[in-house]
Amino acid sequence: MSRKSATLQTWQNLSRYPGGKWLFSKVVARTAPYFATIRPRITQLEPGLCEVKFKKRRKVQNHIGTVHAIAICNAAELAAGVMTDASIPVSHRWIPKGMTVEYLAKAATHLTARAELDIVPAFGEAQDLAVPVSVLDANGKEVVRATITMWVSPRKS
């Protein structure tokens, strides 16, 4: 049986306190600064699940006033990465390897990116892990569907 990742332990310690989810989100965004551009708020995290919310604001809009596709991809990658980190054993590491994205509708509201695995696989040898991410608008309409392929491999001794 493997220990929990530092990410999952930190989430479980902080999220039970007022402002803890906000603080956890700030720490994650500081660790990977590009994610801070969307001002993400991680609202759920457990093995096999991560939910990230972010607000539609001027800095993430495109020329037609909707949320820019790259900002949405940023949230999808964040959700997939944090979920992967919370799901794999501490004996393993991960890195994004690829992303496929379907733009289904205009993103005209605040958004929620949800990375969810039906079953968290067992990890041994290096393998690809396809992480599905659904991005929903404030009305619950799916605006983007992504699959982020993570390369999961044992840590070097």
C-alpha atoms as a PDB file:
ATOM      1  CA  MET A   1       0.000   0.000   0.000  1.00  0.00           C
ATOM      2  CA  SER A   2       1.469   3.353  -1.005  1.00  0.00           C
ATOM      3  CA  ARG A   3       1.411   6.577   0.940  1.00  0.00           C
ATOM      4  CA  LYS A   4      -0.679   9.542  -0.150  1.00  0.00           C
ATOM      5  CA  SER A   5       0.956  12.110  -2.374  1.00  0.00           C
ATOM      6  CA  ALA A   6       2.070  15.363  -0.767  1.00  0.00           C
ATOM      7  CA  THR A   7      -0.538  17.100  -2.936  1.00  0.00           C
ATOM      8  CA  LEU A   8      -3.386  14.992  -1.561  1.00  0.00           C
ATOM      9  CA  GLN A   9      -2.117  15.273   2.032  1.00  0.00           C
ATOM     10  CA  THR A  10      -1.867  19.057   1.735  1.00  0.00           C
ATOM     11  CA  TRP A  11      -5.374  19.254   0.245  1.00  0.00           C
ATOM     12  CA  GLN A  12      -6.831  17.116   3.036  1.00  0.00           C
ATOM     13  CA  ASN A  13      -5.085  19.207   5.689  1.00  0.00           C
ATOM     14  CA  LEU A  14      -6.022  22.628   4.273  1.00  0.00           C
ATOM     15  CA  SER A  15      -9.438  22.113   2.688  1.00  0.00           C
ATOM     16  CA  ARG A  16     -11.228  21.516   5.976  1.00  0.00           C
ATOM     17  CA  TYR A  17     -10.470  25.042   7.186  1.00  0.00           C
ATOM     18  CA  PRO A  18     -12.073  28.313   6.093  1.00  0.00           C
ATOM     19  CA  GLY A  19      -9.949  29.677   3.242  1.00  0.00           C
ATOM     20  CA  GLY A  20      -8.061  26.401   2.976  1.00  0.00           C
ATOM     21  CA  LYS A  21      -9.187  25.605  -0.580  1.00  0.00           C
ATOM     22  CA  TRP A  22      -8.224  29.125  -1.640  1.00  0.00           C
ATOM     23  CA  LEU A  23      -4.799  28.757  -0.012  1.00  0.00           C
ATOM     24  CA  PHE A  24      -4.243  25.328  -1.580  1.00  0.00           C
ATOM     25  CA  SER A  25      -5.144  26.755  -5.005  1.00  0.00           C
ATOM     26  CA  LYS A  26      -2.671  29.609  -4.502  1.00  0.00           C
ATOM     27  CA  VAL A  27       0.106  27.154  -3.553  1.00  0.00           C
ATOM     28  CA  VAL A  28      -0.555  25.016  -6.647  1.00  0.00           C
ATOM     29  CA  ALA A  29      -0.614  28.080  -8.913  1.00  0.00           C
ATOM     30  CA  ARG A  30       2.635  29.326  -7.382  1.00  0.00           C
ATOM     31  CA  THR A  31       4.293  25.944  -7.963  1.00  0.00           C
ATOM     32  CA  ALA A  32       3.382  26.095 -11.664  1.00  0.00           C
ATOM     33  CA  PRO A  33       3.079  29.873 -12.263  1.00  0.00           C
ATOM     34  CA  TYR A  34       1.416  29.695 -15.669  1.00  0.00           C
ATOM     35  CA  PHE A  35      -1.713  28.303 -14.005  1.00  0.00           C
ATOM     36  CA  ALA A  36      -2.013  31.517 -11.993  1.00  0.00           C
ATOM     37  CA  THR A  37      -3.037  33.348 -15.172  1.00  0.00           C
ATOM     38  CA  ILE A  38      -6.578  31.977 -14.833  1.00  0.00           C
ATOM     39  CA  ARG A  39      -6.770  32.439 -11.032  1.00  0.00           C
ATOM     40  CA  PRO A  40      -7.952  28.870 -10.477  1.00  0.00           C
ATOM     41  CA  ARG A  41      -9.892  27.654  -7.453  1.00  0.00           C
ATOM     42  CA  ILE A  42      -9.622  23.939  -6.755  1.00  0.00           C
ATOM     43  CA  THR A  43     -12.913  22.944  -5.164  1.00  0.00           C
ATOM     44  CA  GLN A  44     -12.689  19.139  -5.071  1.00  0.00           C
ATOM     45  CA  LEU A  45      -9.770  16.732  -4.948  1.00  0.00           C
ATOM     46  CA  GLU A  46      -9.542  13.024  -4.273  1.00  0.00           C
ATOM     47  CA  PRO A  47      -7.948  10.093  -6.080  1.00  0.00           C
ATOM     48  CA  GLY A  48      -9.600   9.983  -9.496  1.00  0.00           C
ATOM     49  CA  LEU A  49     -11.220  13.444  -9.258  1.00  0.00           C
ATOM     50  CA  CYS A  50     -10.243  17.107  -9.396  1.00  0.00           C
ATOM     51  CA  GLU A  51     -12.510  20.081  -9.981  1.00  0.00           C
ATOM     52  CA  VAL A  52     -11.147  23.520 -10.872  1.00  0.00           C
ATOM     53  CA  LYS A  53     -13.265  26.661 -11.181  1.00  0.00           C
ATOM     54  CA  PHE A  54     -12.265  29.954 -12.712  1.00  0.00           C
ATOM     55  CA  LYS A  55     -14.057  33.198 -13.440  1.00  0.00           C
ATOM     56  CA  LYS A  56     -14.695  34.772 -16.793  1.00  0.00           C
ATOM     57  CA  ARG A  57     -12.879  38.089 -16.580  1.00  0.00           C
ATOM     58  CA  ARG A  58     -11.279  40.442 -19.076  1.00  0.00           C
ATOM     59  CA  LYS A  59      -7.792  38.865 -18.874  1.00  0.00           C
ATOM     60  CA  VAL A  60      -9.063  35.439 -20.030  1.00  0.00           C
ATOM     61  CA  GLN A  61     -11.374  36.678 -22.798  1.00  0.00           C
ATOM     62  CA  ASN A  62     -10.835  36.606 -26.521  1.00  0.00           C
ATOM     63  CA  HIS A  63     -11.808  39.224 -29.117  1.00  0.00           C
ATOM     64  CA  ILE A  64     -15.495  38.161 -29.108  1.00  0.00           C
ATOM     65  CA  GLY A  65     -15.873  38.383 -25.326  1.00  0.00           C
ATOM     66  CA  THR A  66     -15.930  34.676 -24.506  1.00  0.00           C
ATOM     67  CA  VAL A  67     -13.350  32.748 -22.492  1.00  0.00           C
ATOM     68  CA  HIS A  68     -10.290  32.110 -24.650  1.00  0.00           C
ATOM     69  CA  ALA A  69      -9.640  28.515 -25.706  1.00  0.00           C
ATOM     70  CA  ILE A  70      -6.126  28.527 -24.264  1.00  0.00           C
ATOM     71  CA  ALA A  71      -7.400  29.656 -20.847  1.00  0.00           C
ATOM     72  CA  ILE A  72      -9.844  26.738 -20.943  1.00  0.00           C
ATOM     73  CA  CYS A  73      -7.050  24.330 -21.909  1.00  0.00           C
ATOM     74  CA  ASN A  74      -4.993  25.728 -19.035  1.00  0.00           C
ATOM     75  CA  ALA A  75      -7.786  24.849 -16.576  1.00  0.00           C
ATOM     76  CA  ALA A  76      -8.210  21.397 -18.136  1.00  0.00           C
ATOM     77  CA  GLU A  77      -4.491  20.645 -17.832  1.00  0.00           C
ATOM     78  CA  LEU A  78      -4.452  21.882 -14.233  1.00  0.00           C
ATOM     79  CA  ALA A  79      -7.399  19.667 -13.270  1.00  0.00           C
ATOM     80  CA  ALA A  80      -5.858  16.642 -14.987  1.00  0.00           C
ATOM     81  CA  GLY A  81      -2.426  17.216 -13.469  1.00  0.00           C
ATOM     82  CA  VAL A  82      -3.576  17.743  -9.894  1.00  0.00           C
ATOM     83  CA  MET A  83      -5.921  14.743 -10.157  1.00  0.00           C
ATOM     84  CA  THR A  84      -3.096  12.589 -11.536  1.00  0.00           C
ATOM     85  CA  ASP A  85      -0.742  13.690  -8.771  1.00  0.00           C
ATOM     86  CA  ALA A  86      -3.356  12.823  -6.134  1.00  0.00           C
ATOM     87  CA  SER A  87      -4.076   9.430  -7.742  1.00  0.00           C
ATOM     88  CA  ILE A  88      -0.733   7.811  -8.519  1.00  0.00           C
ATOM     89  CA  PRO A  89       1.475   6.149  -5.911  1.00  0.00           C
ATOM     90  CA  VAL A  90       4.348   8.193  -4.469  1.00  0.00           C
ATOM     91  CA  SER A  91       6.707   5.732  -6.170  1.00  0.00           C
ATOM     92  CA  HIS A  92       5.671   7.210  -9.547  1.00  0.00           C
ATOM     93  CA  ARG A  93       5.862  10.537 -11.359  1.00  0.00           C
ATOM     94  CA  TRP A  94       3.919  12.029 -14.247  1.00  0.00           C
ATOM     95  CA  ILE A  95       4.202  14.551 -17.035  1.00  0.00           C
ATOM     96  CA  PRO A  96       1.656  15.671 -19.647  1.00  0.00           C
ATOM     97  CA  LYS A  97       2.366  14.033 -22.987  1.00  0.00           C
ATOM     98  CA  GLY A  98      -0.487  15.225 -25.177  1.00  0.00           C
ATOM     99  CA  MET A  99      -3.898  16.833 -25.299  1.00  0.00           C
ATOM    100  CA  THR A 100      -6.886  16.524 -27.581  1.00  0.00           C
ATOM    101  CA  VAL A 101      -9.610  19.121 -27.286  1.00  0.00           C
ATOM    102  CA  GLU A 102     -13.134  19.462 -28.641  1.00  0.00           C
ATOM    103  CA  TYR A 103     -14.695  22.915 -28.523  1.00  0.00           C
ATOM    104  CA  LEU A 104     -18.420  22.263 -28.182  1.00  0.00           C
ATOM    105  CA  ALA A 105     -19.901  25.699 -27.447  1.00  0.00           C
ATOM    106  CA  LYS A 106     -18.942  29.284 -26.693  1.00  0.00           C
ATOM    107  CA  ALA A 107     -17.739  29.761 -23.131  1.00  0.00           C
ATOM    108  CA  ALA A 108     -19.593  32.879 -22.048  1.00  0.00           C
ATOM    109  CA  THR A 109     -19.688  32.385 -18.249  1.00  0.00           C
ATOM    110  CA  HIS A 110     -17.516  31.300 -15.338  1.00  0.00           C
ATOM    111  CA  LEU A 111     -16.207  27.763 -15.927  1.00  0.00           C
ATOM    112  CA  THR A 112     -15.582  24.488 -14.108  1.00  0.00           C
ATOM    113  CA  ALA A 113     -13.038  21.944 -15.361  1.00  0.00           C
ATOM    114  CA  ARG A 114     -13.589  18.450 -13.996  1.00  0.00           C
ATOM    115  CA  ALA A 115     -10.997  15.694 -14.456  1.00  0.00           C
ATOM    116  CA  GLU A 116     -12.413  12.338 -13.473  1.00  0.00           C
ATOM    117  CA  LEU A 117     -11.360   8.727 -13.842  1.00  0.00           C
ATOM    118  CA  ASP A 118     -13.995   6.018 -13.483  1.00  0.00           C
ATOM    119  CA  ILE A 119     -11.315   3.633 -12.231  1.00  0.00           C
ATOM    120  CA  VAL A 120      -7.845   4.591 -11.015  1.00  0.00           C
ATOM    121  CA  PRO A 121      -5.606   1.930 -12.571  1.00  0.00           C
ATOM    122  CA  ALA A 122      -2.845   0.071 -10.808  1.00  0.00           C
ATOM    123  CA  PHE A 123       0.563   1.498 -11.650  1.00  0.00           C
ATOM    124  CA  GLY A 124       3.688  -0.541 -12.182  1.00  0.00           C
ATOM    125  CA  GLU A 125       5.712  -0.055 -15.332  1.00  0.00           C
ATOM    126  CA  ALA A 126       5.635   3.219 -17.266  1.00  0.00           C
ATOM    127  CA  GLN A 127       2.337   3.804 -19.038  1.00  0.00           C
ATOM    128  CA  ASP A 128       0.084   6.370 -20.665  1.00  0.00           C
ATOM    129  CA  LEU A 129      -2.882   7.510 -18.612  1.00  0.00           C
ATOM    130  CA  ALA A 130      -5.697   9.136 -20.600  1.00  0.00           C
ATOM    131  CA  VAL A 131      -7.421  11.670 -18.338  1.00  0.00           C
ATOM    132  CA  PRO A 132     -10.829  12.887 -19.523  1.00  0.00           C
ATOM    133  CA  VAL A 133     -11.707  16.465 -18.619  1.00  0.00           C
ATOM    134  CA  SER A 134     -15.103  18.074 -19.040  1.00  0.00           C
ATOM    135  CA  VAL A 135     -15.391  21.870 -18.905  1.00  0.00           C
ATOM    136  CA  LEU A 136     -18.827  23.185 -17.983  1.00  0.00           C
ATOM    137  CA  ASP A 137     -20.251  26.698 -18.018  1.00  0.00           C
ATOM    138  CA  ALA A 138     -22.225  28.177 -15.124  1.00  0.00           C
ATOM    139  CA  ASN A 139     -25.423  26.634 -16.533  1.00  0.00           C
ATOM    140  CA  GLY A 140     -23.950  23.118 -16.546  1.00  0.00           C
ATOM    141  CA  LYS A 141     -23.505  23.030 -20.322  1.00  0.00           C
ATOM    142  CA  GLU A 142     -20.361  21.259 -21.527  1.00  0.00           C
ATOM    143  CA  VAL A 143     -18.355  23.756 -23.574  1.00  0.00           C
ATOM    144  CA  VAL A 144     -15.097  21.799 -23.923  1.00  0.00           C
ATOM    145  CA  ARG A 145     -14.190  18.129 -23.752  1.00  0.00           C
ATOM    146  CA  ALA A 146     -10.503  17.239 -23.483  1.00  0.00           C
ATOM    147  CA  THR A 147      -8.378  14.169 -23.033  1.00  0.00           C
ATOM    148  CA  ILE A 148      -4.985  14.797 -21.527  1.00  0.00           C
ATOM    149  CA  THR A 149      -2.488  11.985 -21.875  1.00  0.00           C
ATOM    150  CA  MET A 150      -0.156  11.706 -18.899  1.00  0.00           C
ATOM    151  CA  TRP A 151       3.047   9.687 -19.025  1.00  0.00           C
ATOM    152  CA  VAL A 152       3.227   7.940 -15.643  1.00  0.00           C
ATOM    153  CA  SER A 153       6.491   6.199 -14.796  1.00  0.00           C
ATOM    154  CA  PRO A 154       8.332   4.881 -11.731  1.00  0.00           C
ATOM    155  CA  ARG A 155      10.607   7.413 -10.065  1.00  0.00           C
ATOM    156  CA  LYS A 156      14.302   6.813 -10.547  1.00  0.00           C
ATOM    157  CA  SER A 157      15.978   5.337  -7.486  1.00  0.00           C
END
